[in-house]
């Protein structure tokens, strides 16, 4: 029993956090009866330490700390397959996203590379209204200390017209900027 978890009564602060996560996700963990359809359909479950069903079970048992520290919330692709398969209508993808946001707020990022990629991707969208592949690669590699990772692929991709050296900007970047401002007002980065 190397990974045994000791259960204890759920504290008021844990209950409040679970309630807030449910509210943010617009779903109730108590609807889940652990059928496993979410995990069976999840394309990323094979790589998770706790598949979607088990993340919900952690929350049902009041094991908030364990849920916040899972690798699974960083591996989740937010594809919503789990949510669409749930016979009880639990929005598992939204719940995984809420747990991920709370882990970020509490600085519990278990996979620094995924967080660095997310930040680099969102910065590109914020600045240019779309992803800028070369900038994403430079920012991600710098953040993860892999300065020349995949550098040899740049020139061939550029010559084939797959990536540009300069970013392309879209019309309506002001609307994108407002979206990011609203997200920041609500506690996002």
Protein backbone atom coordinates (compact mmCIF):
# COMPACT_ATOMS: atom_id res chain seq x y z
CA UNK A 1 0.00 0.00 0.00
CA UNK A 2 2.63 2.53 -1.12
CA UNK A 3 0.13 5.14 -2.33
CA UNK A 4 -2.43 4.74 0.46
CA UNK A 5 -4.34 7.90 1.30
CA UNK A 6 -5.63 8.49 4.79
CA UNK A 7 -9.16 9.84 4.83
CA UNK A 8 -10.19 12.40 7.38
CA UNK A 9 -13.26 14.58 7.69
CA UNK A 10 -13.42 17.33 5.08
CA UNK A 11 -12.63 20.71 6.63
CA UNK A 12 -14.81 23.76 6.12
CA UNK A 13 -12.10 25.40 3.99
CA UNK A 14 -11.89 22.29 1.77
CA UNK A 15 -15.69 22.24 1.44
CA UNK A 16 -15.65 25.93 0.50
CA UNK A 17 -12.97 25.35 -2.13
CA UNK A 18 -14.84 22.38 -3.61
CA UNK A 19 -18.02 24.47 -3.69
CA UNK A 20 -16.17 27.29 -5.47
CA UNK A 21 -14.68 24.85 -8.02
CA UNK A 22 -18.16 23.45 -8.69
CA UNK A 23 -19.58 26.94 -9.11
CA UNK A 24 -16.79 27.95 -11.52
CA UNK A 25 -17.32 24.75 -13.51
CA UNK A 26 -21.10 25.01 -13.40
CA UNK A 27 -21.42 21.40 -12.30
CA UNK A 28 -21.81 19.21 -9.22
CA UNK A 29 -19.36 16.45 -8.32
CA UNK A 30 -22.10 14.71 -6.35
CA UNK A 31 -23.91 13.84 -9.58
CA UNK A 32 -21.04 11.51 -10.54
CA UNK A 33 -21.67 7.87 -9.67
CA UNK A 34 -18.27 6.69 -10.94
CA UNK A 35 -19.42 4.81 -14.05
CA UNK A 36 -16.08 5.45 -15.77
CA UNK A 37 -17.43 6.58 -19.16
CA UNK A 38 -15.39 9.78 -18.91
CA UNK A 39 -12.15 7.89 -18.43
CA UNK A 40 -13.01 5.31 -21.08
CA UNK A 41 -13.44 8.06 -23.68
CA UNK A 42 -10.55 10.27 -22.61
CA UNK A 43 -7.81 10.33 -25.27
CA UNK A 44 -5.22 11.43 -22.69
CA UNK A 45 -6.16 9.07 -19.81
CA UNK A 46 -3.26 6.75 -20.62
CA UNK A 47 -0.81 9.51 -19.64
CA UNK A 48 -2.61 10.70 -16.49
CA UNK A 49 -1.73 9.79 -12.92
CA UNK A 50 -5.43 10.07 -12.03
CA UNK A 51 -7.88 9.74 -14.94
CA UNK A 52 -10.94 12.04 -14.95
CA UNK A 53 -13.14 9.69 -12.90
CA UNK A 54 -10.53 9.51 -10.17
CA UNK A 55 -10.01 13.29 -10.06
CA UNK A 56 -13.73 13.66 -9.40
CA UNK A 57 -13.52 10.92 -6.77
CA UNK A 58 -10.68 12.76 -5.03
CA UNK A 59 -12.92 15.83 -4.81
CA UNK A 60 -15.89 13.76 -3.65
CA UNK A 61 -13.75 12.41 -0.82
CA UNK A 62 -12.58 15.91 0.11
CA UNK A 63 -9.00 15.21 -1.02
CA UNK A 64 -8.56 18.67 -2.49
CA UNK A 65 -4.80 18.79 -1.95
CA UNK A 66 -4.34 15.56 -3.92
CA UNK A 67 -6.60 16.83 -6.74
CA UNK A 68 -4.66 20.10 -6.99
CA UNK A 69 -1.36 18.22 -7.15
CA UNK A 70 -2.30 15.78 -9.93
CA UNK A 71 -0.46 15.74 -13.23
CA UNK A 72 -3.81 15.01 -14.86
CA UNK A 73 -5.11 18.58 -14.82
CA UNK A 74 -2.05 19.62 -16.88
CA UNK A 75 -2.39 16.71 -19.29
CA UNK A 76 -6.13 17.24 -19.87
CA UNK A 77 -6.64 18.48 -23.43
CA UNK A 78 -10.02 20.07 -22.62
CA UNK A 79 -11.47 18.20 -25.60
CA UNK A 80 -14.75 17.72 -23.67
CA UNK A 81 -15.12 14.06 -24.65
CA UNK A 82 -15.56 13.23 -20.96
CA UNK A 83 -18.30 15.83 -20.51
CA UNK A 84 -20.18 14.73 -23.60
CA UNK A 85 -20.10 11.07 -22.50
CA UNK A 86 -21.28 11.65 -18.93
CA UNK A 87 -24.76 10.15 -18.44
CA UNK A 88 -25.33 12.46 -15.45
CA UNK A 89 -24.32 15.67 -17.21
CA UNK A 90 -21.23 16.37 -15.10
CA UNK A 91 -19.08 18.90 -16.96
CA UNK A 92 -15.82 17.16 -16.17
CA UNK A 93 -13.77 19.20 -18.64
CA UNK A 94 -14.91 22.44 -16.97
CA UNK A 95 -14.12 20.95 -13.56
CA UNK A 96 -10.61 19.92 -14.69
CA UNK A 97 -10.13 23.48 -15.98
CA UNK A 98 -11.32 24.96 -12.67
CA UNK A 99 -8.91 22.71 -10.75
CA UNK A 100 -6.09 23.73 -13.12
CA UNK A 101 -6.85 27.43 -12.56
CA UNK A 102 -6.89 26.92 -8.78
CA UNK A 103 -3.58 25.04 -8.95
CA UNK A 104 -2.14 28.01 -10.86
CA UNK A 105 -3.48 30.46 -8.27
CA UNK A 106 -1.89 28.41 -5.50
CA UNK A 107 1.36 28.02 -7.47
CA UNK A 108 0.99 24.25 -7.59
CA UNK A 109 2.12 23.78 -11.17
CA UNK A 110 3.36 20.20 -11.34
CA UNK A 111 4.34 20.28 -15.01
CA UNK A 112 6.36 23.42 -15.65
CA UNK A 113 6.67 22.66 -19.38
CA UNK A 114 2.91 22.53 -19.91
CA UNK A 115 2.45 25.78 -17.98
CA UNK A 116 5.26 27.40 -20.02
CA UNK A 117 3.64 26.26 -23.27
CA UNK A 118 0.22 27.57 -22.20
CA UNK A 119 1.69 30.93 -21.26
CA UNK A 120 3.68 31.22 -24.51
CA UNK A 121 0.63 30.26 -26.58
CA UNK A 122 -1.67 32.72 -24.82
CA UNK A 123 0.90 35.51 -25.08
CA UNK A 124 0.97 35.04 -28.86
CA UNK A 125 -2.81 35.23 -29.04
CA UNK A 126 -2.85 38.24 -26.73
CA UNK A 127 -0.26 40.17 -28.76
CA UNK A 128 -1.19 39.20 -32.31
CA UNK A 129 -4.72 37.80 -32.14
CA UNK A 130 -3.46 34.40 -33.27
CA UNK A 131 -0.59 32.07 -32.55
CA UNK A 132 2.85 33.07 -33.75
CA UNK A 133 4.75 29.82 -34.04
CA UNK A 134 8.33 31.17 -34.04
CA UNK A 135 7.59 33.41 -31.06
CA UNK A 136 5.89 30.55 -29.23
CA UNK A 137 8.92 28.32 -29.78
CA UNK A 138 11.39 30.99 -28.65
CA UNK A 139 9.37 31.91 -25.56
CA UNK A 140 8.73 28.25 -24.61
CA UNK A 141 12.35 27.18 -25.11
CA UNK A 142 13.61 30.15 -23.12
CA UNK A 143 11.19 29.47 -20.25
CA UNK A 144 12.14 25.78 -20.10
CA UNK A 145 15.88 26.27 -20.58
CA UNK A 146 15.92 24.32 -23.86
CA UNK A 147 17.34 27.17 -25.92
CA UNK A 148 18.12 25.30 -29.14
CA UNK A 149 15.47 22.59 -28.95
CA UNK A 150 14.05 21.97 -32.44
CA UNK A 151 16.06 24.90 -33.85
CA UNK A 152 17.18 22.75 -36.80
CA UNK A 153 13.55 22.46 -37.91
CA UNK A 154 13.03 26.21 -38.34
CA UNK A 155 14.74 26.79 -41.67
CA UNK A 156 13.17 23.78 -43.48
CA UNK A 157 9.71 24.79 -42.20
CA UNK A 158 10.29 28.40 -43.27
CA UNK A 159 11.45 27.34 -46.74
CA UNK A 160 8.31 25.21 -47.16
CA UNK A 161 6.09 28.12 -46.12
CA UNK A 162 4.93 26.43 -42.91
CA UNK A 163 6.08 29.19 -40.54
CA UNK A 164 6.85 32.85 -40.98
CA UNK A 165 9.66 34.80 -39.44
CA UNK A 166 7.42 37.75 -38.60
CA UNK A 167 4.06 37.44 -36.87
CA UNK A 168 0.83 38.02 -38.74
CA UNK A 169 -1.72 40.18 -36.98
CA UNK A 170 -5.47 39.82 -37.32
CA UNK A 171 -8.12 42.50 -37.53
CA UNK A 172 -10.02 43.06 -34.30
CA UNK A 173 -7.06 42.68 -31.95
CA UNK A 174 -8.75 45.23 -29.69
CA UNK A 175 -11.56 42.72 -29.05
CA UNK A 176 -8.98 40.06 -28.17
CA UNK A 177 -7.26 42.52 -25.83
CA UNK A 178 -10.60 43.16 -24.07
CA UNK A 179 -11.11 39.41 -23.58
CA UNK A 180 -7.72 39.17 -21.86
CA UNK A 181 -8.50 42.24 -19.73
CA UNK A 182 -11.80 40.69 -18.59
CA UNK A 183 -10.05 37.42 -17.80
CA UNK A 184 -7.46 39.29 -15.75
CA UNK A 185 -10.22 41.13 -13.85
CA UNK A 186 -11.69 37.74 -12.94
CA UNK A 187 -8.38 36.50 -11.54
CA UNK A 188 -6.67 35.11 -14.64
CA UNK A 189 -3.12 35.92 -15.62
